[in-house]
Amino acid sequence: MTEETITALKNYDWLIRNRGLGEVELHWESDSLVSGDGGYEISLLTEPGFTPGTRQDS
């Protein structure tokens, strides 16, 4: 598994565990991650630090 995939899974896992399964949705048609009243570009899941689950401590 690539590092990018691991980061995306960790970010998604954090969102599900902390916001709830009913509050997080992948909207494939628009390449969006929908959360609450907002949304994000789905590619942000691959970014370290997008959630506390992938933040690097300094």
PDB file of N, CA and C in Angstrom:
ATOM      1  N   MET A   1       0.845  -1.163   0.000  1.00  0.00           N
ATOM      2  CA  MET A   1       0.000   0.000   0.000  1.00  0.00           C
ATOM      3  C   MET A   1       0.897   1.235   0.000  1.00  0.00           C
ATOM      4  N   THR A   2       0.512   2.242  -0.773  1.00  0.00           N
ATOM      5  CA  THR A   2       1.339   3.442  -0.837  1.00  0.00           C
ATOM      6  C   THR A   2       1.111   4.323   0.391  1.00  0.00           C
ATOM      7  N   GLU A   3       2.058   5.189   0.665  1.00  0.00           N
ATOM      8  CA  GLU A   3       1.944   6.132   1.789  1.00  0.00           C
ATOM      9  C   GLU A   3       0.732   7.050   1.603  1.00  0.00           C
ATOM     10  N   GLU A   4       0.478   7.441   0.361  1.00  0.00           N
ATOM     11  CA  GLU A   4      -0.671   8.296   0.054  1.00  0.00           C
ATOM     12  C   GLU A   4      -1.990   7.593   0.405  1.00  0.00           C
ATOM     13  N   THR A   5      -2.080   6.321   0.091  1.00  0.00           N
ATOM     14  CA  THR A   5      -3.284   5.540   0.411  1.00  0.00           C
ATOM     15  C   THR A   5      -3.457   5.413   1.917  1.00  0.00           C
ATOM     16  N   ILE A   6      -2.384   5.139   2.619  1.00  0.00           N
ATOM     17  CA  ILE A   6      -2.437   5.017   4.076  1.00  0.00           C
ATOM     18  C   ILE A   6      -2.907   6.324   4.700  1.00  0.00           C
ATOM     19  N   THR A   7      -2.372   7.446   4.231  1.00  0.00           N
ATOM     20  CA  THR A   7      -2.774   8.754   4.737  1.00  0.00           C
ATOM     21  C   THR A   7      -4.255   9.008   4.482  1.00  0.00           C
ATOM     22  N   ALA A   8      -4.735   8.702   3.286  1.00  0.00           N
ATOM     23  CA  ALA A   8      -6.146   8.898   2.954  1.00  0.00           C
ATOM     24  C   ALA A   8      -7.036   8.056   3.862  1.00  0.00           C
ATOM     25  N   LEU A   9      -6.666   6.818   4.097  1.00  0.00           N
ATOM     26  CA  LEU A   9      -7.457   5.948   4.959  1.00  0.00           C
ATOM     27  C   LEU A   9      -7.453   6.437   6.409  1.00  0.00           C
ATOM     28  N   LYS A  10      -6.318   6.898   6.886  1.00  0.00           N
ATOM     29  CA  LYS A  10      -6.243   7.428   8.251  1.00  0.00           C
ATOM     30  C   LYS A  10      -7.110   8.676   8.403  1.00  0.00           C
ATOM     31  N   ASN A  11      -7.068   9.557   7.409  1.00  0.00           N
ATOM     32  CA  ASN A  11      -7.896  10.762   7.453  1.00  0.00           C
ATOM     33  C   ASN A  11      -9.383  10.408   7.422  1.00  0.00           C
ATOM     34  N   TYR A  12      -9.771   9.505   6.547  1.00  0.00           N
ATOM     35  CA  TYR A  12     -11.170   9.098   6.447  1.00  0.00           C
ATOM     36  C   TYR A  12     -11.613   8.405   7.733  1.00  0.00           C
ATOM     37  N   ASP A  13     -10.767   7.552   8.276  1.00  0.00           N
ATOM     38  CA  ASP A  13     -11.065   6.876   9.531  1.00  0.00           C
ATOM     39  C   ASP A  13     -11.295   7.890  10.648  1.00  0.00           C
ATOM     40  N   TRP A  14     -10.440   8.897  10.742  1.00  0.00           N
ATOM     41  CA  TRP A  14     -10.591   9.916  11.775  1.00  0.00           C
ATOM     42  C   TRP A  14     -11.920  10.651  11.619  1.00  0.00           C
ATOM     43  N   LEU A  15     -12.262  11.015  10.396  1.00  0.00           N
ATOM     44  CA  LEU A  15     -13.527  11.722  10.156  1.00  0.00           C
ATOM     45  C   LEU A  15     -14.721  10.878  10.585  1.00  0.00           C
ATOM     46  N   ILE A  16     -14.728   9.617  10.216  1.00  0.00           N
ATOM     47  CA  ILE A  16     -15.836   8.722  10.568  1.00  0.00           C
ATOM     48  C   ILE A  16     -15.944   8.553  12.080  1.00  0.00           C
ATOM     49  N   ARG A  17     -14.821   8.334  12.739  1.00  0.00           N
ATOM     50  CA  ARG A  17     -14.832   8.103  14.183  1.00  0.00           C
ATOM     51  C   ARG A  17     -15.210   9.353  14.974  1.00  0.00           C
ATOM     52  N   ASN A  18     -14.858  10.533  14.468  1.00  0.00           N
ATOM     53  CA  ASN A  18     -15.062  11.754  15.225  1.00  0.00           C
ATOM     54  C   ASN A  18     -16.280  12.568  14.802  1.00  0.00           C
ATOM     55  N   ARG A  19     -16.744  12.385  13.600  1.00  0.00           N
ATOM     56  CA  ARG A  19     -17.934  13.112  13.145  1.00  0.00           C
ATOM     57  C   ARG A  19     -19.135  12.201  12.983  1.00  0.00           C
ATOM     58  N   GLY A  20     -18.901  10.920  12.871  1.00  0.00           N
ATOM     59  CA  GLY A  20     -19.977   9.947  12.746  1.00  0.00           C
ATOM     60  C   GLY A  20     -20.205   9.523  11.308  1.00  0.00           C
ATOM     61  N   LEU A  21     -20.579   8.278  11.150  1.00  0.00           N
ATOM     62  CA  LEU A  21     -20.781   7.703   9.828  1.00  0.00           C
ATOM     63  C   LEU A  21     -21.848   8.444   9.034  1.00  0.00           C
ATOM     64  N   GLY A  22     -22.883   8.908   9.704  1.00  0.00           N
ATOM     65  CA  GLY A  22     -23.952   9.633   9.020  1.00  0.00           C
ATOM     66  C   GLY A  22     -23.591  11.052   8.628  1.00  0.00           C
ATOM     67  N   GLU A  23     -22.436  11.544   9.077  1.00  0.00           N
ATOM     68  CA  GLU A  23     -22.029  12.924   8.813  1.00  0.00           C
ATOM     69  C   GLU A  23     -20.931  13.062   7.760  1.00  0.00           C
ATOM     70  N   VAL A  24     -20.436  11.946   7.256  1.00  0.00           N
ATOM     71  CA  VAL A  24     -19.344  11.973   6.282  1.00  0.00           C
ATOM     72  C   VAL A  24     -19.738  11.130   5.076  1.00  0.00           C
ATOM     73  N   GLU A  25     -19.623  11.718   3.896  1.00  0.00           N
ATOM     74  CA  GLU A  25     -20.015  10.999   2.678  1.00  0.00           C
ATOM     75  C   GLU A  25     -19.037  11.325   1.552  1.00  0.00           C
ATOM     76  N   LEU A  26     -18.672  10.309   0.797  1.00  0.00           N
ATOM     77  CA  LEU A  26     -17.881  10.522  -0.414  1.00  0.00           C
ATOM     78  C   LEU A  26     -18.863  10.691  -1.572  1.00  0.00           C
ATOM     79  N   HIS A  27     -18.797  11.823  -2.226  1.00  0.00           N
ATOM     80  CA  HIS A  27     -19.672  12.091  -3.374  1.00  0.00           C
ATOM     81  C   HIS A  27     -18.813  11.979  -4.628  1.00  0.00           C
ATOM     82  N   TRP A  28     -18.836  10.787  -5.216  1.00  0.00           N
ATOM     83  CA  TRP A  28     -17.933  10.459  -6.318  1.00  0.00           C
ATOM     84  C   TRP A  28     -18.164  11.318  -7.550  1.00  0.00           C
ATOM     85  N   GLU A  29     -19.405  11.655  -7.837  1.00  0.00           N
ATOM     86  CA  GLU A  29     -19.708  12.415  -9.059  1.00  0.00           C
ATOM     87  C   GLU A  29     -19.046  13.795  -9.073  1.00  0.00           C
ATOM     88  N   SER A  30     -18.881  14.390  -7.903  1.00  0.00           N
ATOM     89  CA  SER A  30     -18.264  15.720  -7.833  1.00  0.00           C
ATOM     90  C   SER A  30     -16.864  15.691  -7.229  1.00  0.00           C
ATOM     91  N   ASP A  31     -16.331  14.488  -7.004  1.00  0.00           N
ATOM     92  CA  ASP A  31     -15.015  14.340  -6.362  1.00  0.00           C
ATOM     93  C   ASP A  31     -14.936  15.125  -5.061  1.00  0.00           C
ATOM     94  N   SER A  32     -15.992  15.000  -4.241  1.00  0.00           N
ATOM     95  CA  SER A  32     -16.081  15.753  -2.997  1.00  0.00           C
ATOM     96  C   SER A  32     -16.251  14.832  -1.804  1.00  0.00           C
ATOM     97  N   LEU A  33     -15.787  15.324  -0.686  1.00  0.00           N
ATOM     98  CA  LEU A  33     -16.041  14.723   0.606  1.00  0.00           C
ATOM     99  C   LEU A  33     -17.021  15.654   1.295  1.00  0.00           C
ATOM    100  N   VAL A  34     -18.220  15.182   1.569  1.00  0.00           N
ATOM    101  CA  VAL A  34     -19.260  15.990   2.184  1.00  0.00           C
ATOM    102  C   VAL A  34     -19.259  15.708   3.679  1.00  0.00           C
ATOM    103  N   SER A  35     -19.211  16.776   4.467  1.00  0.00           N
ATOM    104  CA  SER A  35     -19.197  16.638   5.918  1.00  0.00           C
ATOM    105  C   SER A  35     -20.008  17.777   6.520  1.00  0.00           C
ATOM    106  N   GLY A  36     -21.103  17.424   7.189  1.00  0.00           N
ATOM    107  CA  GLY A  36     -21.961  18.450   7.766  1.00  0.00           C
ATOM    108  C   GLY A  36     -22.566  19.307   6.680  1.00  0.00           C
ATOM    109  N   ASP A  37     -22.459  20.614   6.841  1.00  0.00           N
ATOM    110  CA  ASP A  37     -23.002  21.552   5.861  1.00  0.00           C
ATOM    111  C   ASP A  37     -21.986  21.947   4.795  1.00  0.00           C
ATOM    112  N   GLY A  38     -20.802  21.378   4.838  1.00  0.00           N
ATOM    113  CA  GLY A  38     -19.756  21.769   3.904  1.00  0.00           C
ATOM    114  C   GLY A  38     -19.191  20.600   3.135  1.00  0.00           C
ATOM    115  N   GLY A  39     -18.136  20.890   2.437  1.00  0.00           N
ATOM    116  CA  GLY A  39     -17.491  19.850   1.670  1.00  0.00           C
ATOM    117  C   GLY A  39     -16.052  20.215   1.360  1.00  0.00           C
ATOM    118  N   TYR A  40     -15.327  19.221   0.923  1.00  0.00           N
ATOM    119  CA  TYR A  40     -13.914  19.374   0.598  1.00  0.00           C
ATOM    120  C   TYR A  40     -13.626  18.614  -0.678  1.00  0.00           C
ATOM    121  N   GLU A  41     -12.593  19.009  -1.359  1.00  0.00           N
ATOM    122  CA  GLU A  41     -12.128  18.242  -2.505  1.00  0.00           C
ATOM    123  C   GLU A  41     -11.612  16.901  -1.977  1.00  0.00           C
ATOM    124  N   ILE A  42     -12.035  15.837  -2.594  1.00  0.00           N
ATOM    125  CA  ILE A  42     -11.719  14.494  -2.093  1.00  0.00           C
ATOM    126  C   ILE A  42     -10.204  14.246  -2.015  1.00  0.00           C
ATOM    127  N   SER A  43      -9.441  14.911  -2.849  1.00  0.00           N
ATOM    128  CA  SER A  43      -7.988  14.707  -2.842  1.00  0.00           C
ATOM    129  C   SER A  43      -7.333  15.182  -1.548  1.00  0.00           C
ATOM    130  N   LEU A  44      -8.027  16.008  -0.755  1.00  0.00           N
ATOM    131  CA  LEU A  44      -7.465  16.449   0.519  1.00  0.00           C
ATOM    132  C   LEU A  44      -7.274  15.297   1.497  1.00  0.00           C
ATOM    133  N   LEU A  45      -7.982  14.209   1.277  1.00  0.00           N
ATOM    134  CA  LEU A  45      -7.794  13.039   2.142  1.00  0.00           C
ATOM    135  C   LEU A  45      -6.363  12.521   2.088  1.00  0.00           C
ATOM    136  N   THR A  46      -5.665  12.755   0.997  1.00  0.00           N
ATOM    137  CA  THR A  46      -4.300  12.253   0.857  1.00  0.00           C
ATOM    138  C   THR A  46      -3.263  13.179   1.495  1.00  0.00           C
ATOM    139  N   GLU A  47      -3.712  14.318   2.030  1.00  0.00           N
ATOM    140  CA  GLU A  47      -2.788  15.295   2.599  1.00  0.00           C
ATOM    141  C   GLU A  47      -2.532  15.033   4.079  1.00  0.00           C
ATOM    142  N   PRO A  48      -1.264  14.821   4.454  1.00  0.00           N
ATOM    143  CA  PRO A  48      -0.952  14.697   5.877  1.00  0.00           C
ATOM    144  C   PRO A  48      -1.376  15.978   6.602  1.00  0.00           C
ATOM    145  N   GLY A  49      -2.033  15.814   7.753  1.00  0.00           N
ATOM    146  CA  GLY A  49      -2.466  16.967   8.521  1.00  0.00           C
ATOM    147  C   GLY A  49      -3.878  17.439   8.198  1.00  0.00           C
ATOM    148  N   PHE A  50      -4.537  16.820   7.232  1.00  0.00           N
ATOM    149  CA  PHE A  50      -5.916  17.202   6.913  1.00  0.00           C
ATOM    150  C   PHE A  50      -6.819  16.989   8.131  1.00  0.00           C
ATOM    151  N   THR A  51      -6.552  15.952   8.910  1.00  0.00           N
ATOM    152  CA  THR A  51      -7.235  15.700  10.177  1.00  0.00           C
ATOM    153  C   THR A  51      -6.180  15.469  11.243  1.00  0.00           C
ATOM    154  N   PRO A  52      -6.561  15.541  12.506  1.00  0.00           N
ATOM    155  CA  PRO A  52      -5.600  15.218  13.568  1.00  0.00           C
ATOM    156  C   PRO A  52      -5.049  13.803  13.463  1.00  0.00           C
ATOM    157  N   GLY A  53      -5.738  12.930  12.766  1.00  0.00           N
ATOM    158  CA  GLY A  53      -5.260  11.554  12.610  1.00  0.00           C
ATOM    159  C   GLY A  53      -3.984  11.429  11.813  1.00  0.00           C
ATOM    160  N   THR A  54      -3.607  12.463  11.081  1.00  0.00           N
ATOM    161  CA  THR A  54      -2.376  12.401  10.287  1.00  0.00           C
ATOM    162  C   THR A  54      -1.445  13.587  10.551  1.00  0.00           C
ATOM    163  N   ARG A  55      -1.705  14.314  11.605  1.00  0.00           N
ATOM    164  CA  ARG A  55      -0.815  15.437  11.934  1.00  0.00           C
ATOM    165  C   ARG A  55       0.510  14.940  12.481  1.00  0.00           C
ATOM    166  N   GLN A  56       1.547  15.612  12.059  1.00  0.00           N
ATOM    167  CA  GLN A  56       2.894  15.298  12.559  1.00  0.00           C
ATOM    168  C   GLN A  56       3.186  16.225  13.727  1.00  0.00           C
ATOM    169  N   ASP A  57       3.587  15.674  14.853  1.00  0.00           N
ATOM    170  CA  ASP A  57       3.972  16.514  15.992  1.00  0.00           C
ATOM    171  C   ASP A  57       5.353  17.086  15.740  1.00  0.00           C
ATOM    172  N   SER A  58       5.474  18.384  16.001  1.00  0.00           N
ATOM    173  CA  SER A  58       6.764  19.060  15.785  1.00  0.00           C
ATOM    174  C   SER A  58       7.666  18.928  16.967  1.00  0.00           C
TER     175      SER A  58
END
